[in-house]
Amino acid sequence: MGQTGETHQGILDLSFFKVVPNLTVMSPKDFKELEDMMEFAVKLKSPVIIRYPRGGEAKEKFITHSYIQHKKCDILTLGTDVTIVAIGNQVSKAMNIYRKLKECNINAEVINARFLKPFDKYTVLKSISKTKFVITIEDNSLIGGLGTEVKEIVAEKRIQDIIIRNFGYPDVFVEHGAPQELEQIYKMDEKSIFNYIKNTIKHKKITKNYGEDEKKKKYNYYQVKERRKNA
């Protein structure tokens, strides 16, 4: 809600609703999923918050919509290089990034979280264990939101040797401005996220190749040493 000023920024609601006991917190990726969530909420027969931000749908149009299951996220694409977990209207951004990464031969696994609470820990952890690289995207405060949730489950399960980066709004009163302008200021726009992923994977490959080269050098060294010894 950037164009209504600093006092009306709707970037804290996911975080403060998350701490309310027995409350289900959801956020849809588009209008169709919003309709599905409203029907789901009626059938659930327990308190539900559906968070949909001001404005219309993104330019990204989702042709298919899977059935909403309680506590389950939605895997939109399968990949092995990076896990992108997004929620709400940021899912369309994640899909745009996915397509750009694909052009660079980078395979991203995109997950539409749907539920912030209860969160689908199993699906997300399974993906992270495979890619060893996860980013989260949310138009919410980084404190107490989607990024915090992912970091908590990674720490809880003691998963090691992974890269985590959260994209969202910092712990400040966000200034006045259009959403697109604010995203650029806080480096959570599509271009910034794409570049971060691409550069990180490039660095990972360089580091991996360097490590393999060092192993080969050591192997060859000991091979030569062994031959000289037996000569």
Protein backbone atom coordinates (compact mmCIF):
# COMPACT_ATOMS: atom_id res chain seq x y z
CA MET A 1 0.00 0.00 0.00
CA GLY A 2 2.93 2.30 -0.72
CA GLN A 3 0.95 5.11 -2.35
CA THR A 4 -1.03 5.81 0.84
CA GLY A 5 2.06 6.74 2.86
CA GLU A 6 4.28 5.44 5.65
CA THR A 7 1.47 5.03 8.18
CA HIS A 8 -0.55 2.70 5.94
CA GLN A 9 2.07 0.22 4.74
CA GLY A 10 0.46 -3.22 4.78
CA ILE A 11 3.68 -5.15 5.32
CA LEU A 12 3.31 -6.35 8.91
CA ASP A 13 0.08 -8.35 8.85
CA LEU A 14 1.51 -11.76 7.96
CA SER A 15 3.91 -11.46 10.87
CA PHE A 16 1.51 -10.35 13.59
CA PHE A 17 -1.30 -12.72 12.56
CA LYS A 18 1.15 -15.62 12.60
CA VAL A 19 1.55 -15.44 16.38
CA VAL A 20 -2.19 -15.77 17.08
CA PRO A 21 -2.98 -19.31 18.33
CA ASN A 22 -5.32 -21.55 16.28
CA LEU A 23 -5.35 -19.09 13.37
CA THR A 24 -4.80 -20.21 9.78
CA VAL A 25 -2.94 -17.60 7.70
CA MET A 26 -3.14 -17.80 3.90
CA SER A 27 -2.17 -15.62 0.95
CA PRO A 28 -3.19 -16.35 -2.68
CA LYS A 29 -1.14 -15.81 -5.82
CA ASP A 30 -4.07 -14.46 -7.88
CA PHE A 31 -7.85 -13.86 -7.90
CA LYS A 32 -8.72 -17.48 -8.77
CA GLU A 33 -6.70 -18.81 -5.86
CA LEU A 34 -8.35 -16.16 -3.67
CA GLU A 35 -11.76 -17.57 -4.59
CA ASP A 36 -10.55 -21.10 -3.86
CA MET A 37 -9.17 -20.02 -0.49
CA MET A 38 -12.45 -18.39 0.49
CA GLU A 39 -14.31 -21.63 -0.26
CA PHE A 40 -11.67 -23.57 1.65
CA ALA A 41 -11.98 -21.21 4.65
CA VAL A 42 -15.74 -21.73 4.85
CA LYS A 43 -15.33 -25.51 4.85
CA LEU A 44 -12.50 -25.44 7.40
CA LYS A 45 -14.83 -24.08 10.09
CA SER A 46 -12.07 -22.45 12.13
CA PRO A 47 -10.57 -18.92 12.16
CA VAL A 48 -8.85 -18.03 8.89
CA ILE A 49 -7.03 -14.92 7.67
CA ILE A 50 -6.70 -14.53 3.90
CA ARG A 51 -4.21 -11.80 3.13
CA TYR A 52 -4.56 -10.15 -0.26
CA PRO A 53 -2.78 -6.84 -0.92
CA ARG A 54 -4.16 -3.74 -2.52
CA GLY A 55 -4.23 -3.68 -6.34
CA GLY A 56 -5.12 -6.09 -9.09
CA GLU A 57 -3.49 -9.23 -10.41
CA ALA A 58 0.03 -9.32 -11.78
CA LYS A 59 0.64 -9.60 -15.51
CA GLU A 60 1.60 -13.21 -14.96
CA LYS A 61 -1.47 -15.37 -15.57
CA PHE A 62 -1.68 -18.83 -14.08
CA ILE A 63 -3.54 -21.20 -16.40
CA THR A 64 -3.97 -24.05 -13.93
CA HIS A 65 -4.75 -24.06 -10.21
CA SER A 66 -4.29 -27.14 -8.06
CA TYR A 67 -6.73 -28.09 -5.32
CA ILE A 68 -6.04 -26.40 -1.98
CA GLN A 69 -5.16 -28.83 0.78
CA HIS A 70 -4.78 -27.84 4.40
CA LYS A 71 -1.14 -27.30 5.44
CA LYS A 72 0.07 -27.96 1.87
CA CYS A 73 2.00 -25.67 -0.42
CA ASP A 74 1.92 -25.86 -4.23
CA ILE A 75 4.99 -26.90 -6.23
CA LEU A 76 4.83 -24.97 -9.49
CA THR A 77 8.11 -26.08 -11.10
CA LEU A 78 10.71 -28.74 -10.38
CA GLY A 79 14.39 -27.85 -10.24
CA THR A 80 17.75 -28.84 -8.81
CA ASP A 81 19.76 -25.61 -8.60
CA VAL A 82 17.74 -23.34 -6.31
CA THR A 83 14.50 -23.40 -4.31
CA ILE A 84 12.35 -20.28 -4.58
CA VAL A 85 9.62 -20.09 -1.95
CA ALA A 86 7.17 -17.23 -2.51
CA ILE A 87 3.83 -16.24 -1.06
CA GLY A 88 0.89 -14.17 -2.26
CA ASN A 89 1.39 -11.80 -5.18
CA GLN A 90 5.13 -12.49 -5.13
CA VAL A 91 4.57 -15.90 -6.69
CA SER A 92 4.14 -14.33 -10.13
CA LYS A 93 7.51 -12.63 -9.65
CA ALA A 94 9.04 -15.97 -8.74
CA MET A 95 7.74 -17.47 -11.97
CA ASN A 96 9.18 -14.63 -14.05
CA ILE A 97 12.54 -15.17 -12.36
CA TYR A 98 12.24 -18.91 -13.03
CA ARG A 99 11.88 -18.29 -16.77
CA LYS A 100 14.87 -15.95 -16.88
CA LEU A 101 16.99 -18.43 -14.94
CA LYS A 102 15.98 -21.19 -17.32
CA GLU A 103 17.44 -19.16 -20.19
CA CYS A 104 20.73 -19.27 -18.27
CA ASN A 105 20.49 -23.07 -17.83
CA ILE A 106 19.61 -22.67 -14.15
CA ASN A 107 16.78 -24.91 -12.95
CA ALA A 108 14.72 -23.39 -10.15
CA GLU A 109 12.13 -25.17 -8.06
CA VAL A 110 9.32 -22.67 -7.43
CA ILE A 111 7.04 -23.24 -4.45
CA ASN A 112 3.85 -21.29 -3.80
CA ALA A 113 3.68 -21.38 -0.01
CA ARG A 114 -0.08 -20.60 0.17
CA PHE A 115 -0.07 -21.13 3.96
CA LEU A 116 2.19 -19.16 6.27
CA LYS A 117 0.48 -20.92 9.15
CA PRO A 118 0.37 -23.89 9.34
CA PHE A 119 3.47 -24.02 7.15
CA ASP A 120 4.26 -27.02 4.91
CA LYS A 121 7.63 -27.84 6.45
CA TYR A 122 8.03 -31.25 4.83
CA THR A 123 7.74 -30.12 1.21
CA VAL A 124 10.02 -27.12 1.64
CA LEU A 125 12.68 -29.06 3.57
CA LYS A 126 12.65 -31.80 0.94
CA SER A 127 13.32 -29.22 -1.76
CA ILE A 128 16.05 -27.44 0.22
CA SER A 129 17.81 -30.74 0.94
CA LYS A 130 17.97 -31.28 -2.82
CA THR A 131 19.05 -27.84 -4.04
CA LYS A 132 21.13 -26.68 -1.03
CA PHE A 133 20.13 -23.13 -1.97
CA VAL A 134 16.87 -21.40 -0.98
CA ILE A 135 15.48 -17.91 -1.30
CA THR A 136 12.17 -16.57 -0.02
CA ILE A 137 10.13 -13.72 -1.52
CA GLU A 138 7.40 -11.85 0.36
CA ASP A 139 5.91 -8.34 0.40
CA ASN A 140 6.05 -8.41 4.17
CA SER A 141 8.46 -7.63 6.97
CA LEU A 142 11.40 -10.01 7.08
CA ILE A 143 10.83 -10.36 10.82
CA GLY A 144 8.26 -13.03 11.59
CA GLY A 145 7.25 -13.72 7.99
CA LEU A 146 7.98 -16.35 5.37
CA GLY A 147 11.75 -15.91 5.53
CA THR A 148 11.77 -16.36 9.29
CA GLU A 149 9.66 -19.50 8.97
CA VAL A 150 12.10 -21.09 6.52
CA LYS A 151 15.13 -20.17 8.64
CA GLU A 152 13.48 -21.64 11.74
CA ILE A 153 12.80 -25.02 10.14
CA VAL A 154 16.31 -25.19 8.68
CA ALA A 155 17.78 -24.51 12.14
CA GLU A 156 15.34 -26.93 13.76
CA LYS A 157 16.37 -29.78 11.44
CA ARG A 158 20.03 -28.72 11.58
CA ILE A 159 20.48 -28.74 7.82
CA GLN A 160 24.02 -27.73 6.99
CA ASP A 161 25.94 -26.44 3.97
CA ILE A 162 23.06 -24.52 2.43
CA ILE A 163 22.63 -20.93 1.26
CA ILE A 164 19.61 -18.96 2.53
CA ARG A 165 18.58 -15.49 1.39
CA ASN A 166 15.32 -13.74 2.29
CA PHE A 167 13.82 -10.97 0.17
CA GLY A 168 11.31 -8.71 1.90
CA TYR A 169 11.09 -5.43 3.80
CA PRO A 170 13.60 -4.68 6.58
CA ASP A 171 12.80 -3.69 10.17
CA VAL A 172 12.02 -0.05 9.36
CA PHE A 173 8.99 2.13 8.74
CA VAL A 174 8.96 1.90 4.96
CA GLU A 175 8.80 5.28 3.23
CA HIS A 176 6.10 6.54 0.90
CA GLY A 177 6.20 5.27 -2.67
CA ALA A 178 4.68 2.98 -5.28
CA PRO A 179 5.27 -0.77 -4.65
CA GLN A 180 7.56 -1.04 -7.68
CA GLU A 181 9.69 1.88 -6.46
CA LEU A 182 9.94 0.50 -2.93
CA GLU A 183 10.91 -2.95 -4.20
CA GLN A 184 13.82 -1.43 -6.10
CA ILE A 185 14.92 0.59 -3.08
CA TYR A 186 14.97 -2.50 -0.86
CA LYS A 187 16.47 -4.76 -3.55
CA MET A 188 13.51 -7.12 -3.70
CA ASP A 189 12.58 -6.39 -7.29
CA GLU A 190 12.71 -9.05 -10.00
CA LYS A 191 16.05 -7.92 -11.46
CA SER A 192 17.84 -7.82 -8.10
CA ILE A 193 16.64 -11.30 -7.12
CA PHE A 194 17.50 -12.77 -10.52
CA ASN A 195 21.02 -11.33 -10.43
CA TYR A 196 21.58 -12.58 -6.89
CA ILE A 197 20.60 -16.14 -7.81
CA LYS A 198 22.61 -16.16 -11.03
CA ASN A 199 25.75 -14.77 -9.38
CA THR A 200 25.48 -17.09 -6.38
CA ILE A 201 25.16 -20.19 -8.54
CA LYS A 202 28.07 -19.01 -10.69
CA HIS A 203 30.18 -18.63 -7.54
CA LYS A 204 29.08 -22.08 -6.31
CA LYS A 205 30.16 -23.69 -9.57
CA ILE A 206 33.54 -21.92 -9.51
CA THR A 207 34.10 -23.01 -5.90
CA LYS A 208 33.04 -26.57 -6.69
CA ASN A 209 35.32 -26.80 -9.73
CA TYR A 210 38.19 -25.34 -7.72
CA GLY A 211 37.65 -27.96 -5.01
CA GLU A 212 37.57 -30.76 -7.56
CA ASP A 213 40.76 -29.47 -9.20
CA GLU A 214 42.49 -29.41 -5.81
CA LYS A 215 41.42 -32.99 -5.16
CA LYS A 216 42.79 -34.04 -8.55
CA LYS A 217 46.10 -32.31 -7.84
CA LYS A 218 46.41 -34.06 -4.49
CA TYR A 219 45.47 -37.40 -6.07
CA ASN A 220 48.03 -36.99 -8.84
CA TYR A 221 50.67 -35.91 -6.32
CA TYR A 222 50.23 -39.04 -4.22
CA GLN A 223 50.09 -41.20 -7.34
CA VAL A 224 53.43 -39.85 -8.54
CA LYS A 225 54.89 -40.18 -5.05
CA GLU A 226 53.74 -43.81 -4.85
CA ARG A 227 55.27 -44.63 -8.23
CA ARG A 228 58.60 -43.13 -7.27
CA LYS A 229 58.52 -45.11 -4.05
CA ASN A 230 57.94 -48.37 -5.89
CA ALA A 231 60.44 -47.62 -8.67
